[in-house]
N, C-alpha and C. Protein backbone atom coordinates (compact mmCIF):
# COMPACT_ATOMS: atom_id res chain seq x y z
N GLY A 1 -30.02 39.69 -48.34
CA GLY A 1 -31.38 40.02 -48.01
C GLY A 1 -31.47 40.95 -46.80
N PHE A 2 -32.68 41.13 -46.36
CA PHE A 2 -32.92 42.06 -45.25
C PHE A 2 -32.20 41.62 -43.98
N GLN A 3 -32.02 40.31 -43.80
CA GLN A 3 -31.34 39.82 -42.59
C GLN A 3 -29.91 40.35 -42.53
N GLN A 4 -29.27 40.57 -43.69
CA GLN A 4 -27.92 41.13 -43.74
C GLN A 4 -27.93 42.64 -43.62
N VAL A 5 -28.96 43.26 -44.16
CA VAL A 5 -29.04 44.72 -44.21
C VAL A 5 -29.44 45.34 -42.87
N GLN A 6 -30.36 44.71 -42.17
CA GLN A 6 -30.87 45.30 -40.93
C GLN A 6 -29.77 45.60 -39.91
N PRO A 7 -28.83 44.67 -39.66
CA PRO A 7 -27.77 45.01 -38.70
C PRO A 7 -26.87 46.15 -39.17
N ILE A 8 -26.64 46.26 -40.48
CA ILE A 8 -25.84 47.37 -41.00
C ILE A 8 -26.53 48.68 -40.69
N ILE A 9 -27.82 48.75 -40.98
CA ILE A 9 -28.56 49.98 -40.74
C ILE A 9 -28.62 50.29 -39.24
N ARG A 10 -28.81 49.26 -38.43
CA ARG A 10 -28.86 49.46 -36.97
C ARG A 10 -27.53 50.01 -36.46
N GLU A 11 -26.42 49.47 -36.94
CA GLU A 11 -25.10 49.86 -36.45
C GLU A 11 -24.57 51.15 -37.08
N ARG A 12 -24.89 51.39 -38.33
CA ARG A 12 -24.28 52.51 -39.06
C ARG A 12 -25.18 53.73 -39.22
N CYS A 13 -26.51 53.53 -39.13
CA CYS A 13 -27.44 54.62 -39.47
C CYS A 13 -28.31 55.07 -38.29
N VAL A 14 -28.76 54.11 -37.50
CA VAL A 14 -29.76 54.39 -36.46
C VAL A 14 -29.19 55.24 -35.32
N THR A 15 -27.87 55.32 -35.21
CA THR A 15 -27.31 56.18 -34.16
C THR A 15 -27.80 57.62 -34.31
N CYS A 16 -28.07 58.03 -35.53
CA CYS A 16 -28.63 59.36 -35.80
C CYS A 16 -30.08 59.28 -36.29
N HIS A 17 -30.35 58.36 -37.21
CA HIS A 17 -31.67 58.27 -37.85
C HIS A 17 -32.61 57.37 -37.07
N SER A 18 -33.09 57.92 -35.95
CA SER A 18 -33.98 57.19 -35.05
C SER A 18 -34.88 58.18 -34.34
N ALA A 19 -35.97 57.68 -33.81
CA ALA A 19 -36.84 58.53 -32.98
C ALA A 19 -36.07 58.99 -31.74
N ARG A 20 -35.09 58.17 -31.32
CA ARG A 20 -34.24 58.52 -30.17
C ARG A 20 -32.77 58.32 -30.55
N PRO A 21 -32.17 59.27 -31.26
CA PRO A 21 -30.77 59.12 -31.66
C PRO A 21 -29.85 58.96 -30.44
N THR A 22 -28.85 58.10 -30.57
CA THR A 22 -27.87 57.94 -29.50
C THR A 22 -26.66 58.83 -29.72
N ASP A 23 -26.47 59.34 -30.94
CA ASP A 23 -25.37 60.26 -31.22
C ASP A 23 -25.69 61.61 -30.59
N PRO A 24 -24.83 62.11 -29.70
CA PRO A 24 -25.13 63.37 -29.00
C PRO A 24 -25.20 64.59 -29.91
N THR A 25 -24.69 64.48 -31.12
CA THR A 25 -24.73 65.60 -32.07
C THR A 25 -26.14 65.86 -32.56
N PHE A 26 -26.98 64.82 -32.57
CA PHE A 26 -28.31 64.94 -33.15
C PHE A 26 -29.39 64.64 -32.11
N PRO A 27 -30.00 65.67 -31.54
CA PRO A 27 -31.08 65.43 -30.58
C PRO A 27 -32.35 64.88 -31.24
N ALA A 28 -32.45 65.06 -32.56
CA ALA A 28 -33.57 64.53 -33.33
C ALA A 28 -33.01 63.99 -34.65
N ALA A 29 -33.75 63.09 -35.25
CA ALA A 29 -33.30 62.48 -36.51
C ALA A 29 -33.12 63.53 -37.59
N PRO A 30 -31.94 63.56 -38.24
CA PRO A 30 -31.72 64.52 -39.32
C PRO A 30 -32.77 64.37 -40.43
N ALA A 31 -33.34 65.49 -40.83
CA ALA A 31 -34.36 65.55 -41.89
C ALA A 31 -35.58 64.69 -41.56
N GLY A 32 -35.74 64.31 -40.30
CA GLY A 32 -36.86 63.48 -39.90
C GLY A 32 -36.79 62.05 -40.41
N VAL A 33 -35.63 61.65 -40.95
CA VAL A 33 -35.44 60.31 -41.50
C VAL A 33 -35.14 59.33 -40.37
N MET A 34 -36.01 58.32 -40.23
CA MET A 34 -35.85 57.33 -39.16
C MET A 34 -35.91 55.92 -39.72
N PHE A 35 -35.07 55.07 -39.16
CA PHE A 35 -34.98 53.67 -39.57
C PHE A 35 -35.23 52.74 -38.39
N ASP A 36 -36.25 53.01 -37.62
CA ASP A 36 -36.53 52.21 -36.42
C ASP A 36 -37.27 50.91 -36.71
N THR A 37 -37.98 50.86 -37.83
CA THR A 37 -38.75 49.65 -38.15
C THR A 37 -38.37 49.16 -39.54
N PRO A 38 -38.56 47.87 -39.80
CA PRO A 38 -38.31 47.36 -41.15
C PRO A 38 -39.10 48.11 -42.21
N GLU A 39 -40.32 48.49 -41.89
CA GLU A 39 -41.16 49.21 -42.86
C GLU A 39 -40.58 50.59 -43.19
N GLN A 40 -40.04 51.27 -42.18
CA GLN A 40 -39.41 52.57 -42.44
C GLN A 40 -38.18 52.39 -43.33
N ILE A 41 -37.41 51.36 -43.05
CA ILE A 41 -36.22 51.08 -43.85
C ILE A 41 -36.60 50.80 -45.29
N GLN A 42 -37.59 49.95 -45.48
CA GLN A 42 -38.02 49.60 -46.84
C GLN A 42 -38.57 50.82 -47.57
N ALA A 43 -39.37 51.63 -46.90
CA ALA A 43 -39.96 52.81 -47.54
C ALA A 43 -38.89 53.80 -48.01
N LEU A 44 -37.75 53.81 -47.34
CA LEU A 44 -36.67 54.74 -47.68
C LEU A 44 -35.52 54.05 -48.41
N ALA A 45 -35.76 52.87 -48.94
CA ALA A 45 -34.69 52.08 -49.59
C ALA A 45 -33.98 52.86 -50.70
N ALA A 46 -34.73 53.57 -51.53
CA ALA A 46 -34.11 54.31 -52.63
C ALA A 46 -33.18 55.41 -52.09
N ARG A 47 -33.62 56.07 -51.04
CA ARG A 47 -32.80 57.13 -50.44
C ARG A 47 -31.56 56.54 -49.76
N ILE A 48 -31.73 55.41 -49.09
CA ILE A 48 -30.59 54.73 -48.46
C ILE A 48 -29.57 54.37 -49.54
N HIS A 49 -30.06 53.80 -50.64
CA HIS A 49 -29.18 53.40 -51.74
C HIS A 49 -28.44 54.60 -52.31
N GLU A 50 -29.16 55.67 -52.56
CA GLU A 50 -28.55 56.86 -53.15
C GLU A 50 -27.46 57.43 -52.25
N ARG A 51 -27.75 57.53 -50.96
CA ARG A 51 -26.82 58.19 -50.03
C ARG A 51 -25.66 57.30 -49.60
N THR A 52 -25.87 55.98 -49.51
CA THR A 52 -24.80 55.11 -49.01
C THR A 52 -24.02 54.41 -50.11
N VAL A 53 -24.67 54.13 -51.24
CA VAL A 53 -24.02 53.35 -52.30
C VAL A 53 -23.60 54.24 -53.46
N VAL A 54 -24.51 55.09 -53.93
CA VAL A 54 -24.22 55.90 -55.12
C VAL A 54 -23.33 57.10 -54.77
N ASN A 55 -23.79 57.95 -53.85
CA ASN A 55 -23.05 59.17 -53.52
C ASN A 55 -22.06 58.99 -52.37
N LYS A 56 -22.27 57.97 -51.55
CA LYS A 56 -21.42 57.69 -50.38
C LYS A 56 -21.31 58.90 -49.45
N THR A 57 -22.43 59.65 -49.31
CA THR A 57 -22.45 60.81 -48.41
C THR A 57 -22.95 60.44 -47.02
N MET A 58 -23.40 59.21 -46.86
CA MET A 58 -23.84 58.72 -45.56
C MET A 58 -23.10 57.42 -45.27
N PRO A 59 -22.83 57.16 -44.04
CA PRO A 59 -22.99 58.00 -42.86
C PRO A 59 -22.16 59.29 -42.99
N LEU A 60 -22.67 60.35 -42.40
CA LEU A 60 -22.03 61.66 -42.46
C LEU A 60 -20.58 61.54 -42.01
N GLY A 61 -19.65 61.89 -42.90
CA GLY A 61 -18.24 61.79 -42.58
C GLY A 61 -17.80 60.36 -42.26
N ASN A 62 -18.65 59.41 -42.59
CA ASN A 62 -18.46 57.99 -42.26
C ASN A 62 -18.09 57.80 -40.78
N LEU A 63 -18.77 58.57 -39.94
CA LEU A 63 -18.50 58.52 -38.50
C LEU A 63 -18.71 57.13 -37.89
N THR A 64 -19.60 56.33 -38.48
CA THR A 64 -19.85 55.00 -37.93
C THR A 64 -19.07 53.91 -38.68
N ASN A 65 -18.16 54.34 -39.54
CA ASN A 65 -17.23 53.41 -40.21
C ASN A 65 -17.91 52.35 -41.06
N MET A 66 -18.85 52.76 -41.91
CA MET A 66 -19.47 51.82 -42.85
C MET A 66 -18.39 51.32 -43.81
N THR A 67 -18.35 50.01 -44.01
CA THR A 67 -17.33 49.42 -44.88
C THR A 67 -17.83 49.35 -46.32
N GLU A 68 -16.90 49.15 -47.25
CA GLU A 68 -17.27 48.98 -48.66
C GLU A 68 -18.15 47.75 -48.81
N GLN A 69 -17.85 46.68 -48.09
CA GLN A 69 -18.66 45.45 -48.17
C GLN A 69 -20.09 45.72 -47.72
N GLU A 70 -20.25 46.53 -46.68
CA GLU A 70 -21.61 46.88 -46.22
C GLU A 70 -22.34 47.68 -47.29
N ARG A 71 -21.64 48.57 -47.95
CA ARG A 71 -22.25 49.34 -49.04
C ARG A 71 -22.68 48.42 -50.18
N VAL A 72 -21.85 47.43 -50.49
CA VAL A 72 -22.18 46.45 -51.53
C VAL A 72 -23.45 45.69 -51.14
N LEU A 73 -23.54 45.24 -49.90
CA LEU A 73 -24.72 44.51 -49.45
C LEU A 73 -25.98 45.37 -49.52
N LEU A 74 -25.86 46.64 -49.13
CA LEU A 74 -27.01 47.55 -49.23
C LEU A 74 -27.43 47.71 -50.69
N GLY A 75 -26.46 47.84 -51.59
CA GLY A 75 -26.76 47.97 -53.01
C GLY A 75 -27.44 46.73 -53.57
N GLN A 76 -26.96 45.56 -53.18
CA GLN A 76 -27.56 44.32 -53.66
C GLN A 76 -28.99 44.18 -53.16
N TRP A 77 -29.22 44.54 -51.91
CA TRP A 77 -30.56 44.48 -51.34
C TRP A 77 -31.50 45.41 -52.11
N PHE A 78 -31.05 46.63 -52.37
CA PHE A 78 -31.88 47.58 -53.10
C PHE A 78 -32.16 47.07 -54.52
N GLN A 79 -31.14 46.58 -55.20
CA GLN A 79 -31.30 46.10 -56.58
C GLN A 79 -32.24 44.90 -56.66
N SER A 80 -32.36 44.14 -55.56
CA SER A 80 -33.26 42.98 -55.56
C SER A 80 -34.69 43.35 -55.19
N GLY A 81 -34.95 44.66 -55.06
CA GLY A 81 -36.30 45.13 -54.79
C GLY A 81 -36.55 45.49 -53.33
N ALA A 82 -35.50 45.53 -52.51
CA ALA A 82 -35.59 45.90 -51.10
C ALA A 82 -36.62 45.07 -50.32
N PRO A 83 -36.54 43.74 -50.46
CA PRO A 83 -37.51 42.90 -49.77
C PRO A 83 -37.24 42.86 -48.25
N LEU A 84 -38.31 42.62 -47.48
CA LEU A 84 -38.15 42.49 -46.03
C LEU A 84 -37.91 41.04 -45.62
N GLN A 85 -38.09 40.13 -46.55
CA GLN A 85 -37.84 38.70 -46.24
C GLN A 85 -36.52 38.26 -46.82
């Protein structure tokens, strides 16, 4: 559920995809995509699934070391309807 997904997104995605990215490469969120709130994450669930589970193009160059297990959890969350509870 979301309790498992939120820390993955915080650790693997928010370094760039945030209103205030901590990755020095990105002074602003790439493509304006931000995951600062649960609602933002849920609204972009299909895109998260496509980029992290289907195409595996995110994280970019896997710079934040997303694991296969984390990708599986993201996929399961998306397939269950991307609930916030």
